[in-house]
Amino acid sequence: MWEKAFTQAPEYRQYARKRSALHLSSLEELKAFLDFNHIKHCLLRPYFEVDSYPLVEVRELLPSFEVDLYEYKALPGFSMVAFERPMNSFHEIFQYDALHSLTDWEDMHRQEGCALEENVIASNIRTFQSRLPKRHHPDFLKEFEDKDICSLKNYANMLPFLLELERAHVLAHDQSGQFTLQGMYASLPSNLDSELKQFGLKIGKFKPGNNLMYECNRLFVYQFMMELHGFPIVSERRTSSAMFAIRLLRQKERFIVRVLGQSDRTITTMMSPPADTPRRLRKYPRIEKLALVQINKNQKETIAMLDDLGYFVDRKKRVVILRVTYQQHEYSPKNVREDRALSVLKQEVIHPINGRIIDSLNIIQNVQNMLLRLNDIVRGEYRVRITYKRNEVIQNTDTHENRLKVLYSWLSKHMHRIADYSEEYYAQVVRVLDGYLLAPDHYDVFNEHYELHQEVWSRYSQIQQARKIRVLEDLRHRQYKGEPVSYHRMLELMTGILSELKFEIVNYFDKLVIKVLIIGGDVLSDPYLLRKYVNAKESTLSPYGLEIRKMYQRLVALLDEFRSIRKSRTSSSGNPGAF
């Protein structure tokens, strides 16, 4: 089936016409061309040719991304960089083997004729062949012995050989301003150490010379920085691609960096941000991922619609081509979702034949699917491989030990999403978790796995507390459930929530307590409150104003209690931020 992919897509048909010239001069045009070819040859072809192709789980496309512990050697992998300008080999910031388009020698070509063209073609072929594993030489020469391998008309046929190279290939403008293959075997520099330390200092997680602070926060900073660029902490190929994208963006290049890992089976694109990107987010590349995913069997209406319109790559297994676009979030210590670097901006299902797109479906963030999955976990019916604490792969939930490990991983991944759930959906989560974690029949089993049970319970408690602090975040701006509230109502709700929360922090999370103190401090220093009610003479206040002052004083007392709790906890523990 893969041979027929996109044969009815107008743009792809234009690319495939043998006699028509291929003119691609902008990054957007090039990306559309690459999307068609990479989906066809790097996703669809392996799906139909490799036995037991490992489909990407939809949860793997949801931030925060999970670490991949398996590498599928039978699957293709590549990295690629494209520049919207001609290459300047001596002044480039990376090493690569140069290839030359015929137009690079156009002036000489007019004088020398066919001999020059043959020499350029032969030189490119020798250069490419020198990096290609020897077992592929006969097939390569048979296909390209007298052809221009730099022309994008030949890119689709070149891909099987480009996928055999260990390093990146390079696309850039030739002298006529059109994209061609301009280099291969490129080594993308990875200045990971300096980028990591610079980013950690910027967000306040590192301080010069403070080794303890560095060691405590290094993993958080590393994970956050990588997720801003579409990856977890991963292999060198994907790490160097992300670091190179950071460097190119800083130099204000117009670029595409694209990578396909043999472990994640996902084509990740880092691209110069579009012109309409908010200014504060222009320092990050646009992130997209392409993968073959399976639609959850419970999404019956979605399945029926996709089936009617012919969007399935494999109808029996409900497999579709999914493209996900992400949005970055700047780090803020005041945010209860402090470690959220990325969120899903757009989901697009791509038709395998005509290339049309549906962007109105929620494939990977369906709340009902998440609730069904939670039910499957506690019932022991979950059969999807997950990674527990980055070092253990769990294949099933047949035992309570495995269920607790999967439950911990599931709660950790979706903690911030659950913190934002509506009361209706959160009540369903609580019902499932309480029904399992507090079931009398499980007491003996949970005593056997006491530490695991406590890990899950701590994560659950953290979510409960985070939901309350999420409400405090909104109240700080005098918003409650999407509606504006008065200062009186704001203080009333805040003191009520804090009164409940101080009894819940028997399960103590230092980061959450810090956020309570930051949010409370912002409210206490509100200029209007101070001027109108706190610093005003008592004789000038109305009964309403006196009530506000009373609640303000109550808020001061509650925050003092939280400071005392934190002081006692941090003085008795060498690691206050365990979670």
Protein backbone atom coordinates (compact mmCIF):
# COMPACT_ATOMS: atom_id res chain seq x y z
CA MET A 1 0.00 0.00 0.00
CA TRP A 2 2.88 2.38 0.76
CA GLU A 3 3.72 2.71 -2.97
CA LYS A 4 0.31 4.36 -3.51
CA ALA A 5 0.76 6.86 -0.68
CA PHE A 6 -0.24 10.43 -1.64
CA THR A 7 -0.71 9.52 -5.31
CA GLN A 8 -3.90 11.62 -5.32
CA ALA A 9 -2.40 14.55 -3.42
CA PRO A 10 -2.06 17.45 -5.90
CA GLU A 11 1.21 18.75 -4.42
CA TYR A 12 2.82 15.32 -4.34
CA ARG A 13 1.74 14.56 -7.90
CA GLN A 14 3.44 17.77 -8.95
CA TYR A 15 6.65 16.66 -7.22
CA ALA A 16 6.45 13.23 -8.88
CA ARG A 17 6.06 14.46 -12.48
CA LYS A 18 9.23 13.29 -14.20
CA ARG A 19 9.44 15.96 -16.87
CA SER A 20 8.49 19.01 -14.82
CA ALA A 21 11.14 20.96 -12.95
CA LEU A 22 10.91 21.04 -9.16
CA HIS A 23 11.07 24.58 -7.77
CA LEU A 24 11.22 24.81 -3.97
CA SER A 25 12.65 28.02 -2.57
CA SER A 26 10.96 28.61 0.83
CA LEU A 27 11.20 26.54 3.99
CA GLU A 28 7.42 26.07 4.01
CA GLU A 29 7.47 24.62 0.48
CA LEU A 30 10.39 22.38 1.37
CA LYS A 31 8.70 21.14 4.55
CA ALA A 32 5.56 20.12 2.63
CA PHE A 33 7.77 18.20 0.18
CA LEU A 34 9.71 16.51 2.99
CA ASP A 35 6.55 15.61 4.90
CA PHE A 36 5.19 13.63 1.95
CA ASN A 37 8.48 11.82 1.28
CA HIS A 38 9.45 11.11 4.87
CA ILE A 39 5.99 9.82 5.79
CA LYS A 40 5.97 7.57 2.73
CA HIS A 41 9.49 6.16 2.93
CA CYS A 42 10.31 6.40 6.66
CA LEU A 43 6.96 5.53 8.27
CA LEU A 44 4.60 3.82 5.80
CA ARG A 45 7.16 1.68 4.00
CA PRO A 46 8.63 0.19 7.22
CA TYR A 47 5.09 -0.37 8.56
CA PHE A 48 4.27 -2.64 5.63
CA GLU A 49 7.71 -4.24 5.25
CA VAL A 50 8.88 -4.82 8.84
CA ASP A 51 7.27 -7.63 10.81
CA SER A 52 5.48 -6.53 13.99
CA TYR A 53 6.07 -2.83 13.38
CA PRO A 54 5.98 -1.09 16.80
CA LEU A 55 3.25 1.54 16.50
CA VAL A 56 3.64 4.70 18.56
CA GLU A 57 1.32 4.82 21.56
CA VAL A 58 -0.68 8.06 21.60
CA ARG A 59 0.51 8.67 25.17
CA GLU A 60 4.09 8.81 23.82
CA LEU A 61 3.18 12.01 21.95
CA LEU A 62 1.89 13.69 25.11
CA PRO A 63 4.36 15.79 27.11
CA SER A 64 6.14 15.05 29.28
CA PHE A 65 7.78 12.55 26.95
CA GLU A 66 8.85 9.14 28.12
CA VAL A 67 12.35 7.72 27.77
CA ASP A 68 12.67 4.99 25.11
CA LEU A 69 14.68 2.01 26.32
CA TYR A 70 14.41 -0.07 23.13
CA GLU A 71 16.13 0.61 19.82
CA TYR A 72 14.53 -1.05 16.80
CA LYS A 73 17.48 -1.82 14.53
CA ALA A 74 15.23 -2.88 11.64
CA LEU A 75 13.63 0.56 11.47
CA PRO A 76 15.11 3.58 9.67
CA GLY A 77 16.65 6.55 11.41
CA PHE A 78 18.08 9.80 10.11
CA SER A 79 18.88 13.41 10.90
CA MET A 80 18.68 16.32 8.50
CA VAL A 81 19.22 20.06 8.45
CA ALA A 82 17.95 22.57 5.87
CA PHE A 83 18.92 26.21 5.41
CA GLU A 84 16.99 28.84 3.47
CA ARG A 85 20.24 30.17 1.97
CA PRO A 86 23.26 28.89 0.04
CA MET A 87 25.95 27.02 1.95
CA ASN A 88 29.25 28.72 2.76
CA SER A 89 31.39 25.73 3.65
CA PHE A 90 34.36 27.48 5.27
CA HIS A 91 32.16 29.69 7.47
CA GLU A 92 29.63 27.03 8.55
CA ILE A 93 29.61 26.06 12.24
CA PHE A 94 29.56 22.30 11.58
CA GLN A 95 31.43 19.72 9.52
CA TYR A 96 29.95 18.02 6.47
CA ASP A 97 30.92 16.55 3.09
CA ALA A 98 29.95 19.07 0.42
CA LEU A 99 27.92 18.11 -2.64
CA HIS A 100 27.46 20.49 -5.56
CA SER A 101 24.42 21.21 -7.68
CA LEU A 102 24.98 21.75 -11.40
CA THR A 103 23.79 25.34 -11.03
CA ASP A 104 26.72 26.03 -8.70
CA TRP A 105 28.92 25.87 -11.80
CA GLU A 106 26.47 27.48 -14.22
CA ASP A 107 28.91 30.05 -15.63
CA MET A 108 31.54 27.43 -16.33
CA HIS A 109 28.90 25.03 -17.61
CA ARG A 110 28.04 27.42 -20.44
CA GLN A 111 31.67 27.30 -21.55
CA GLU A 112 32.66 23.70 -20.85
CA GLY A 113 29.39 21.95 -21.76
CA CYS A 114 28.79 18.29 -21.05
CA ALA A 115 32.27 17.49 -19.69
CA LEU A 116 31.79 19.71 -16.65
CA GLU A 117 28.33 18.30 -15.93
CA GLU A 118 29.68 14.75 -16.05
CA ASN A 119 32.56 15.67 -13.74
CA VAL A 120 30.27 17.31 -11.16
CA ILE A 121 27.89 14.32 -11.18
CA ALA A 122 30.79 11.86 -10.89
CA SER A 123 32.38 13.82 -8.04
CA ASN A 124 29.11 13.86 -6.06
CA ILE A 125 28.65 10.13 -6.58
CA ARG A 126 32.22 9.41 -5.40
CA THR A 127 31.72 11.57 -2.32
CA PHE A 128 28.43 9.87 -1.41
CA GLN A 129 29.80 6.41 -2.12
CA SER A 130 32.77 7.01 0.20
CA ARG A 131 30.39 7.29 3.17
CA LEU A 132 27.90 4.60 2.14
CA PRO A 133 28.40 1.09 3.56
CA LYS A 134 29.98 -1.12 0.88
CA ARG A 135 27.12 -3.58 0.74
CA HIS A 136 24.94 -0.85 -0.78
CA HIS A 137 27.41 0.29 -3.46
CA PRO A 138 26.12 -1.94 -6.30
CA ASP A 139 22.49 -0.82 -5.81
CA PHE A 140 23.52 2.82 -5.49
CA LEU A 141 25.60 2.80 -8.70
CA LYS A 142 22.89 0.95 -10.59
CA GLU A 143 20.37 3.65 -9.63
CA PHE A 144 22.50 6.81 -9.83
CA GLU A 145 25.62 6.14 -11.93
CA ASP A 146 24.94 9.04 -14.33
CA LYS A 147 22.29 11.02 -12.41
CA ASP A 148 22.37 14.25 -10.45
CA ILE A 149 21.96 13.06 -6.86
CA CYS A 150 21.62 16.65 -5.61
CA SER A 151 18.36 17.35 -7.44
CA LEU A 152 15.26 16.99 -5.25
CA LYS A 153 13.62 15.21 -8.19
CA ASN A 154 15.80 12.28 -7.13
CA TYR A 155 15.35 12.76 -3.36
CA ALA A 156 12.72 10.04 -2.95
CA ASN A 157 14.99 7.49 -4.67
CA MET A 158 17.96 8.72 -2.63
CA LEU A 159 16.19 8.27 0.71
CA PRO A 160 16.87 4.52 1.10
CA PHE A 161 20.60 5.32 0.81
CA LEU A 162 20.45 8.46 2.96
CA LEU A 163 18.85 6.33 5.69
CA GLU A 164 21.96 4.12 5.71
CA LEU A 165 24.20 7.02 6.72
CA GLU A 166 25.05 7.51 10.39
CA ARG A 167 25.08 11.30 10.18
CA ALA A 168 22.89 14.11 8.85
CA HIS A 169 22.30 15.20 5.29
CA VAL A 170 22.07 18.88 4.36
CA LEU A 171 19.57 20.71 2.13
CA ALA A 172 20.14 24.31 1.14
CA HIS A 173 19.74 26.79 -1.72
CA ASP A 174 21.85 26.38 -4.83
CA GLN A 175 23.02 29.40 -6.82
CA SER A 176 19.58 29.70 -8.45
CA GLY A 177 17.82 29.98 -5.07
CA GLN A 178 16.25 26.49 -5.19
CA PHE A 179 16.67 23.76 -2.58
CA THR A 180 19.01 20.90 -3.45
CA LEU A 181 21.01 18.28 -1.56
CA GLN A 182 24.12 20.29 -0.62
CA GLY A 183 25.87 18.03 1.85
CA MET A 184 26.00 14.71 3.67
CA TYR A 185 27.63 13.01 6.65
CA ALA A 186 27.16 16.20 8.66
CA SER A 187 28.19 16.23 12.30
CA LEU A 188 25.84 18.51 14.23
CA PRO A 189 27.73 20.04 17.18
CA SER A 190 26.29 19.48 20.65
CA ASN A 191 27.37 22.03 23.24
CA LEU A 192 25.13 20.37 25.82
CA ASP A 193 27.14 21.28 28.90
CA SER A 194 27.21 25.03 28.28
CA GLU A 195 23.58 25.15 27.13
CA LEU A 196 22.41 23.24 30.20
CA LYS A 197 24.31 25.43 32.65
CA GLN A 198 23.34 28.65 30.89
CA PHE A 199 19.65 27.67 30.92
CA GLY A 200 19.78 26.59 34.58
CA LEU A 201 21.33 29.92 35.59
CA LYS A 202 18.72 31.81 33.57
CA ILE A 203 15.73 30.19 35.29
CA GLY A 204 17.32 30.43 38.74
CA LYS A 205 17.88 26.70 39.31
CA PHE A 206 21.69 27.03 39.34
CA LYS A 207 24.01 29.50 41.03
CA PRO A 208 27.69 29.94 40.13
CA GLY A 209 29.88 27.75 42.32
CA ASN A 210 26.94 26.10 44.15
CA ASN A 211 27.58 22.40 43.51
CA LEU A 212 24.78 21.13 45.77
CA MET A 213 22.15 23.30 44.05
CA TYR A 214 23.48 22.16 40.66
CA GLU A 215 23.35 18.46 41.54
CA CYS A 216 19.85 18.71 43.07
CA ASN A 217 18.34 20.60 40.11
CA ARG A 218 20.37 19.32 37.17
CA LEU A 219 17.93 16.59 36.11
CA PHE A 220 14.95 18.98 36.27
CA VAL A 221 16.80 21.60 34.16
CA TYR A 222 17.99 18.96 31.67
CA GLN A 223 14.49 17.50 31.27
CA PHE A 224 12.83 20.93 30.93
CA MET A 225 15.34 22.17 28.35
CA MET A 226 15.05 19.04 26.24
CA GLU A 227 11.24 19.09 26.34
CA LEU A 228 11.22 22.68 25.10
CA HIS A 229 12.73 21.18 21.95
CA GLY A 230 10.51 18.12 21.68
CA PHE A 231 12.44 15.35 23.44
CA PRO A 232 12.98 13.67 26.79
CA ILE A 233 16.58 13.00 27.85
CA VAL A 234 17.57 10.90 24.85
CA SER A 235 20.28 9.53 22.56
CA GLU A 236 23.10 11.56 21.04
CA ARG A 237 21.46 11.86 17.60
CA ARG A 238 18.36 13.59 18.95
CA THR A 239 20.23 15.54 21.62
CA SER A 240 22.69 17.01 19.11
CA SER A 241 19.79 17.91 16.80
CA ALA A 242 18.08 19.83 19.62
CA MET A 243 21.29 21.63 20.64
CA PHE A 244 22.00 22.54 17.01
CA ALA A 245 18.47 23.97 16.64
CA ILE A 246 19.07 26.16 19.73
CA ARG A 247 22.27 27.49 18.18
CA LEU A 248 20.73 28.18 14.77
CA LEU A 249 17.78 30.00 16.30
CA ARG A 250 20.12 32.15 18.36
CA GLN A 251 21.92 33.10 15.12
CA LYS A 252 18.55 34.03 13.55
CA GLU A 253 18.89 31.41 10.82
CA ARG A 254 15.91 30.24 8.76
CA PHE A 255 16.18 26.47 9.19
CA ILE A 256 14.61 23.05 9.58
CA VAL A 257 16.23 20.38 11.75
CA ARG A 258 14.53 17.01 11.46
CA VAL A 259 15.32 13.70 13.13
CA LEU A 260 13.86 10.20 13.20
CA GLY A 261 14.98 7.96 16.06
CA GLN A 262 15.02 4.19 15.80
CA SER A 263 13.70 4.04 19.35
CA ASP A 264 10.88 6.62 19.25
CA ARG A 265 9.69 5.81 15.67
CA THR A 266 8.67 9.47 15.41
CA ILE A 267 9.78 12.15 12.95
CA THR A 268 10.49 15.26 15.01
CA THR A 269 10.82 18.64 13.30
CA MET A 270 12.39 21.75 14.82
CA MET A 271 11.82 24.75 12.57
CA SER A 272 12.20 28.52 12.61
CA PRO A 273 9.06 29.87 14.32
CA PRO A 274 6.38 31.35 12.03
CA ALA A 275 6.07 35.12 11.72
CA ASP A 276 2.88 35.24 13.85
CA THR A 277 4.55 33.58 16.87
CA PRO A 278 4.29 35.72 20.06
CA ARG A 279 7.54 37.58 20.64
CA ARG A 280 8.27 35.90 23.98
CA LEU A 281 8.14 32.46 22.28
CA ARG A 282 10.28 33.31 19.23
CA LYS A 283 13.33 32.10 21.12
CA TYR A 284 12.05 28.53 20.69
CA PRO A 285 11.73 26.55 17.46
CA ARG A 286 8.38 25.32 16.21
CA ILE A 287 8.04 21.66 17.23
CA GLU A 288 6.13 19.03 15.23
CA LYS A 289 5.99 15.24 15.44
CA LEU A 290 4.83 12.76 12.80
CA ALA A 291 4.02 9.15 13.68
CA LEU A 292 1.81 6.18 12.93
CA VAL A 293 -0.62 5.72 15.84
CA GLN A 294 -3.55 3.48 16.66
CA ILE A 295 -6.92 5.07 17.42
CA ASN A 296 -8.33 3.91 20.74
CA LYS A 297 -11.13 1.42 20.18
CA ASN A 298 -13.41 3.39 22.53
CA GLN A 299 -13.43 6.42 20.21
CA LYS A 300 -16.20 4.87 18.16
CA GLU A 301 -17.52 8.05 16.53
CA THR A 302 -13.99 9.07 15.50
CA ILE A 303 -13.29 5.61 14.11
CA ALA A 304 -16.53 5.62 12.08
CA MET A 305 -15.75 9.04 10.59
CA LEU A 306 -12.14 8.21 9.71
CA ASP A 307 -13.25 4.90 8.19
CA ASP A 308 -15.91 6.57 6.04
CA LEU A 309 -13.40 9.12 4.74
CA GLY A 310 -10.64 6.56 4.13
CA TYR A 311 -8.08 7.94 6.60
CA PHE A 312 -6.89 4.58 7.92
CA VAL A 313 -3.49 3.28 6.84
CA ASP A 314 -4.54 -0.09 8.26
CA ARG A 315 -8.30 -0.33 8.74
CA LYS A 316 -8.16 -3.51 10.82
CA LYS A 317 -5.69 -2.06 13.35
CA ARG A 318 -7.16 1.50 13.17
CA VAL A 319 -3.78 3.02 12.23
CA VAL A 320 -3.55 6.65 11.08
CA ILE A 321 -0.84 9.18 10.22
CA LEU A 322 -0.85 11.79 12.99
CA ARG A 323 0.98 15.12 13.03
CA VAL A 324 1.13 16.95 16.37
CA THR A 325 2.23 20.57 16.75
CA TYR A 326 3.34 21.76 20.19
CA GLN A 327 3.56 25.05 22.05
CA GLN A 328 6.34 25.93 24.48
CA HIS A 329 5.79 27.38 27.97
CA GLU A 330 8.33 29.54 29.73
CA TYR A 331 9.53 28.42 33.12
CA SER A 332 7.91 30.15 36.08
CA PRO A 333 8.52 29.20 39.73
CA LYS A 334 5.09 30.66 40.58
CA ASN A 335 3.30 28.15 38.36
CA VAL A 336 2.00 24.98 40.03
CA ARG A 337 2.66 23.33 36.67
CA GLU A 338 6.29 24.35 37.04
CA ASP A 339 7.74 21.51 34.98
CA ARG A 340 5.35 21.89 32.03
CA ALA A 341 7.61 22.90 29.15
CA LEU A 342 5.36 21.83 26.29
CA SER A 343 1.68 21.34 25.51
CA VAL A 344 -0.26 20.14 22.47
CA LEU A 345 -1.29 22.99 20.19
CA LYS A 346 -2.76 21.13 17.22
CA GLN A 347 -3.46 17.57 16.05
CA GLU A 348 -3.78 16.68 12.37
CA VAL A 349 -4.77 13.34 10.85
CA ILE A 350 -3.33 13.02 7.32
CA HIS A 351 -5.07 11.05 4.57
CA PRO A 352 -2.66 8.40 3.23
CA ILE A 353 -3.80 8.75 -0.39
CA ASN A 354 -4.95 12.32 -1.06
CA GLY A 355 -2.99 14.05 1.71
CA ARG A 356 -6.01 15.93 3.07
CA ILE A 357 -5.98 16.93 6.73
CA ILE A 358 -8.53 16.75 9.53
CA ASP A 359 -7.55 18.97 12.46
CA SER A 360 -10.78 18.91 14.48
CA LEU A 361 -10.25 15.58 16.27
CA ASN A 362 -8.81 15.01 19.72
CA ILE A 363 -6.80 11.83 19.26
CA ILE A 364 -4.25 12.01 22.07
CA GLN A 365 -5.88 14.12 24.81
CA ASN A 366 -9.27 12.48 25.09
CA VAL A 367 -10.19 12.62 28.79
CA GLN A 368 -12.58 9.69 28.55
CA ASN A 369 -9.79 7.53 27.09
CA MET A 370 -7.54 8.46 30.01
CA LEU A 371 -10.22 7.45 32.51
CA LEU A 372 -10.73 4.13 30.74
CA ARG A 373 -6.98 3.56 30.80
CA LEU A 374 -6.88 4.29 34.53
CA ASN A 375 -9.64 1.71 35.02
CA ASP A 376 -7.66 -0.82 32.97
CA ILE A 377 -4.58 -0.26 35.16
CA VAL A 378 -6.32 -0.89 38.50
CA ARG A 379 -8.18 -3.91 37.09
CA GLY A 380 -4.99 -5.48 35.77
CA GLU A 381 -6.13 -5.22 32.12
CA TYR A 382 -3.49 -2.75 30.90
CA ARG A 383 -1.14 -4.40 28.38
CA VAL A 384 0.96 -1.53 27.06
CA ARG A 385 4.70 -1.35 27.78
CA ILE A 386 5.69 1.54 30.08
CA THR A 387 8.95 2.70 31.64
CA TYR A 388 9.08 2.90 35.43
CA LYS A 389 11.50 5.52 36.78
CA ARG A 390 13.55 5.47 33.58
CA ASN A 391 15.18 2.12 34.31
CA GLU A 392 12.56 -0.66 34.30
CA VAL A 393 10.17 -1.73 31.55
CA ILE A 394 6.77 -3.03 32.71
CA GLN A 395 4.95 -5.11 30.11
CA ASN A 396 1.63 -5.78 31.88
CA THR A 397 -0.42 -5.22 35.05
CA ASP A 398 -1.02 -8.84 36.00
CA THR A 399 0.37 -8.38 39.53
CA HIS A 400 -0.34 -5.68 42.11
CA GLU A 401 3.35 -4.79 42.10
CA ASN A 402 3.17 -4.02 38.37
CA ARG A 403 -0.12 -2.16 38.80
CA LEU A 404 1.41 0.11 41.44
CA LYS A 405 4.44 0.80 39.23
CA VAL A 406 2.28 1.55 36.18
CA LEU A 407 -0.07 3.66 38.30
CA TYR A 408 2.86 5.69 39.63
CA SER A 409 4.16 6.29 36.08
CA TRP A 410 0.67 7.18 34.80
CA LEU A 411 0.02 9.65 37.63
CA SER A 412 3.48 11.20 37.19
CA LYS A 413 2.98 11.73 33.45
CA HIS A 414 -0.54 13.14 33.71
CA MET A 415 -0.25 14.98 37.03
CA HIS A 416 -0.63 18.47 35.56
CA ARG A 417 -3.44 17.44 33.24
CA ILE A 418 -5.37 15.93 36.16
CA ALA A 419 -4.74 19.10 38.17
CA ASP A 420 -6.63 20.99 35.44
CA TYR A 421 -9.54 18.53 35.08
CA SER A 422 -13.08 19.72 35.69
CA GLU A 423 -14.69 18.68 38.96
CA GLU A 424 -16.78 16.11 37.09
CA TYR A 425 -13.82 14.29 35.57
CA TYR A 426 -11.66 14.63 38.66
CA ALA A 427 -14.40 13.02 40.74
CA GLN A 428 -14.21 9.99 38.44
CA VAL A 429 -10.42 9.82 38.89
CA VAL A 430 -10.85 9.98 42.68
CA ARG A 431 -13.47 7.24 42.63
CA VAL A 432 -11.18 4.86 40.70
CA LEU A 433 -8.05 5.62 42.76
CA ASP A 434 -9.80 5.46 46.15
CA GLY A 435 -11.54 2.26 45.12
CA TYR A 436 -8.18 0.63 44.46
CA LEU A 437 -5.77 2.20 46.96
CA LEU A 438 -8.18 2.02 49.93
CA ALA A 439 -9.78 -1.37 49.17
CA PRO A 440 -9.72 -3.56 52.34
CA ASP A 441 -9.08 -6.64 50.19
CA HIS A 442 -5.74 -5.18 49.13
CA TYR A 443 -4.33 -4.32 52.57
CA ASP A 444 -2.16 -7.44 52.84
CA VAL A 445 -0.80 -7.02 49.30
CA PHE A 446 -0.05 -3.32 49.83
CA ASN A 447 1.74 -4.13 53.09
CA GLU A 448 4.03 -6.45 51.09
CA HIS A 449 4.76 -3.57 48.68
CA TYR A 450 4.61 -0.81 51.26
CA GLU A 451 7.16 1.49 49.62
CA LEU A 452 5.47 1.21 46.21
CA HIS A 453 2.06 1.88 47.73
CA GLN A 454 3.42 4.95 49.52
CA GLU A 455 5.00 6.22 46.28
CA VAL A 456 1.63 6.05 44.52
CA TRP A 457 -0.18 7.59 47.48
CA SER A 458 2.33 10.45 47.62
CA ARG A 459 1.84 11.20 43.93
CA TYR A 460 -1.94 11.09 44.43
CA SER A 461 -1.66 13.47 47.39
CA GLN A 462 0.52 15.76 45.34
CA ILE A 463 -2.19 15.96 42.67
CA GLN A 464 -4.84 16.73 45.30
CA GLN A 465 -2.73 19.55 46.71
CA ALA A 466 -1.80 20.83 43.25
CA ARG A 467 -5.49 21.19 42.36
CA LYS A 468 -6.01 23.45 45.37
CA ILE A 469 -2.93 25.52 44.52
CA ARG A 470 -4.15 25.76 40.93
CA VAL A 471 -7.29 27.45 42.31
CA LEU A 472 -5.10 29.77 44.39
CA GLU A 473 -3.23 30.74 41.19
CA ASP A 474 -6.51 31.89 39.64
CA LEU A 475 -7.66 33.63 42.82
CA ARG A 476 -4.46 35.66 42.88
CA HIS A 477 -5.84 37.32 39.72
CA ARG A 478 -9.35 37.45 41.25
CA GLN A 479 -10.69 34.69 39.03
CA TYR A 480 -12.67 31.68 40.24
CA LYS A 481 -14.02 29.00 37.90
CA GLY A 482 -13.59 31.38 34.99
CA GLU A 483 -15.53 34.23 36.60
CA PRO A 484 -14.22 37.47 38.17
CA VAL A 485 -14.64 37.76 41.95
CA SER A 486 -14.43 40.62 44.45
CA TYR A 487 -11.55 41.12 46.89
CA HIS A 488 -13.84 39.92 49.69
CA ARG A 489 -14.70 36.71 47.86
CA MET A 490 -11.05 36.17 46.84
CA LEU A 491 -9.83 36.38 50.45
CA GLU A 492 -12.71 34.26 51.69
CA LEU A 493 -11.92 31.47 49.23
CA MET A 494 -8.15 31.68 49.75
CA THR A 495 -8.35 31.43 53.52
CA GLY A 496 -10.78 28.52 53.23
CA ILE A 497 -8.50 26.60 50.85
CA LEU A 498 -5.39 27.26 52.93
CA SER A 499 -7.17 26.13 56.10
CA GLU A 500 -7.89 22.79 54.42
CA LEU A 501 -4.48 22.53 52.81
CA LYS A 502 -2.48 22.93 56.03
CA PHE A 503 -3.97 19.64 57.28
CA GLU A 504 -3.25 17.85 53.99
CA ILE A 505 0.47 18.60 53.96
CA VAL A 506 1.16 15.71 56.27
CA ASN A 507 2.29 14.47 52.83
CA TYR A 508 4.74 17.31 52.41
CA PHE A 509 5.91 18.69 49.04
CA ASP A 510 8.27 21.58 49.45
CA LYS A 511 7.78 22.96 45.95
CA LEU A 512 4.03 23.23 46.47
CA VAL A 513 4.45 24.94 49.83
CA ILE A 514 6.84 27.43 48.24
CA LYS A 515 4.18 28.21 45.63
CA VAL A 516 1.60 28.77 48.39
CA LEU A 517 3.94 31.29 50.00
CA ILE A 518 4.68 33.03 46.67
CA ILE A 519 0.99 33.28 45.73
CA GLY A 520 0.04 34.41 49.24
CA GLY A 521 2.82 36.99 49.23
CA ASP A 522 1.56 38.41 45.94
CA VAL A 523 -1.92 38.84 47.41
CA LEU A 524 -0.63 40.40 50.64
CA SER A 525 1.34 42.98 48.65
CA ASP A 526 -1.58 43.92 46.38
CA PRO A 527 -1.38 47.76 46.18
CA TYR A 528 -5.16 48.24 46.13
CA LEU A 529 -5.72 46.03 49.18
CA LEU A 530 -2.97 47.78 51.12
CA ARG A 531 -4.11 51.29 50.24
CA LYS A 532 -7.87 50.80 50.56
CA TYR A 533 -8.22 48.42 53.50
CA VAL A 534 -4.98 47.46 55.29
CA ASN A 535 -3.21 50.80 55.73
CA ALA A 536 -6.39 52.85 56.01
CA LYS A 537 -7.53 54.10 59.42
CA GLU A 538 -10.01 51.77 61.04
CA SER A 539 -12.47 54.63 61.61
CA THR A 540 -12.74 55.23 57.85
CA LEU A 541 -13.63 51.61 57.02
CA SER A 542 -17.17 50.39 56.41
CA PRO A 543 -18.32 47.04 57.87
CA TYR A 544 -17.45 45.51 54.47
CA GLY A 545 -13.95 47.02 54.64
CA LEU A 546 -13.47 45.78 58.22
CA GLU A 547 -14.44 42.29 57.11
CA ILE A 548 -11.84 42.42 54.31
CA ARG A 549 -9.17 43.59 56.76
CA LYS A 550 -10.09 40.73 59.11
CA MET A 551 -9.75 38.16 56.33
CA TYR A 552 -6.47 39.76 55.26
CA GLN A 553 -5.13 39.28 58.79
CA ARG A 554 -6.39 35.71 58.71
CA LEU A 555 -4.45 35.16 55.48
CA VAL A 556 -1.30 36.58 57.12
CA ALA A 557 -1.69 34.15 60.03
CA LEU A 558 -2.21 31.17 57.71
CA LEU A 559 0.88 32.01 55.67
CA ASP A 560 2.87 32.29 58.90
CA GLU A 561 1.71 28.77 59.78
CA PHE A 562 2.90 27.50 56.37
CA ARG A 563 6.28 29.17 56.91
CA SER A 564 6.58 27.48 60.28
CA ILE A 565 5.66 24.11 58.81
CA ARG A 566 8.23 24.55 56.04
CA LYS A 567 10.91 25.63 58.50
CA SER A 568 10.35 22.56 60.68
CA ARG A 569 10.27 20.23 57.67
CA THR A 570 13.37 21.60 55.98
CA SER A 571 15.36 21.68 59.21
CA SER A 572 14.52 18.03 59.93
CA SER A 573 15.17 16.82 56.38
CA GLY A 574 18.23 17.25 54.22
CA ASN A 575 16.14 16.93 51.05
CA PRO A 576 13.02 19.13 51.28
CA GLY A 577 12.11 18.78 47.61
CA ALA A 578 11.86 14.99 47.36
CA PHE A 579 8.88 15.28 45.05
